[in-house]
Amino acid sequence: MVDANPGADFRAQATVVFAIFMAALVVIAFGLTALGWWLGRWWGAAIGAVVGALLFLAGLAGAGLLYAMTQDGA
């Protein structure tokens, strides 16, 4: 029997992995902000938030690119 939608399982798994990765990036970004607050109050929190936001955006760009490549059947 021929599968009517080849790769559907893989694309579904890629969606789950992408969601888990994005949740981890959010936790890391907030964790860096909390660590910054613990180390240096407002200045530390500001620096931690900026570093966390940059890490989040870089991760989002990379993960979004890889996720898109799994969804188009390439």
Protein backbone atom coordinates (compact mmCIF):
# COMPACT_ATOMS: atom_id res chain seq x y z
CA MET A 1 0.00 0.00 0.00
CA VAL A 2 1.30 3.44 -0.94
CA ASP A 3 1.33 6.16 1.72
CA ALA A 4 -0.96 8.98 0.57
CA ASN A 5 1.08 11.60 2.41
CA PRO A 6 4.73 10.56 2.64
CA GLY A 7 6.66 12.41 5.30
CA ALA A 8 3.63 13.42 7.36
CA ASP A 9 4.99 11.68 10.46
CA PHE A 10 8.35 13.38 10.06
CA ARG A 11 6.74 16.81 9.67
CA ALA A 12 4.61 16.20 12.76
CA GLN A 13 7.70 15.24 14.75
CA ALA A 14 9.54 18.32 13.48
CA THR A 15 6.66 20.48 14.73
CA VAL A 16 6.95 18.98 18.22
CA VAL A 17 10.74 19.43 18.28
CA PHE A 18 10.37 23.06 17.15
CA ALA A 19 7.84 23.77 19.92
CA ILE A 20 10.08 22.21 22.57
CA PHE A 21 13.11 24.14 21.32
CA MET A 22 11.22 27.45 21.36
CA ALA A 23 9.96 26.79 24.89
CA ALA A 24 13.53 26.08 25.98
CA LEU A 25 14.71 29.36 24.43
CA VAL A 26 12.04 31.29 26.33
CA VAL A 27 13.07 29.63 29.60
CA ILE A 28 16.74 30.42 28.92
CA ALA A 29 15.94 34.07 28.10
CA PHE A 30 13.97 34.53 31.32
CA GLY A 31 16.65 32.62 33.22
CA LEU A 32 19.34 35.00 31.98
CA THR A 33 17.23 37.96 33.08
CA ALA A 34 16.71 36.43 36.52
CA LEU A 35 20.42 35.64 36.81
CA GLY A 36 21.24 39.21 35.82
CA TRP A 37 18.86 40.52 38.48
CA TRP A 38 20.47 38.28 41.08
CA LEU A 39 23.98 39.45 40.12
CA GLY A 40 23.39 43.16 39.62
CA ARG A 41 19.78 44.20 40.25
CA TRP A 42 18.45 46.56 37.54
CA TRP A 43 21.62 46.85 35.46
CA GLY A 44 22.17 43.12 35.61
CA ALA A 45 18.56 42.43 34.70
CA ALA A 46 18.78 44.84 31.75
CA ILE A 47 21.97 43.22 30.46
CA GLY A 48 20.55 39.74 31.02
CA ALA A 49 17.35 40.69 29.20
CA VAL A 50 19.27 42.03 26.19
CA VAL A 51 21.52 38.96 26.02
CA GLY A 52 18.50 36.69 26.46
CA ALA A 53 16.56 38.50 23.74
CA LEU A 54 19.49 38.28 21.32
CA LEU A 55 19.91 34.58 22.05
CA PHE A 56 16.18 34.05 21.59
CA LEU A 57 16.14 35.87 18.24
CA ALA A 58 19.20 33.99 16.98
CA GLY A 59 17.67 30.68 18.04
CA LEU A 60 14.35 31.63 16.48
CA ALA A 61 16.02 32.46 13.17
CA GLY A 62 17.95 29.20 13.06
CA ALA A 63 15.11 27.02 14.28
CA GLY A 64 12.63 28.72 11.97
CA LEU A 65 14.88 28.09 9.00
CA LEU A 66 15.36 24.42 9.88
CA TYR A 67 11.65 23.99 10.61
CA ALA A 68 10.71 25.51 7.26
CA MET A 69 13.06 23.12 5.48
CA THR A 70 11.27 20.16 7.08
CA GLN A 71 7.82 21.38 6.09
CA ASP A 72 8.22 21.92 2.36
CA GLY A 73 9.12 18.35 1.51
CA ALA A 74 12.70 19.19 0.57
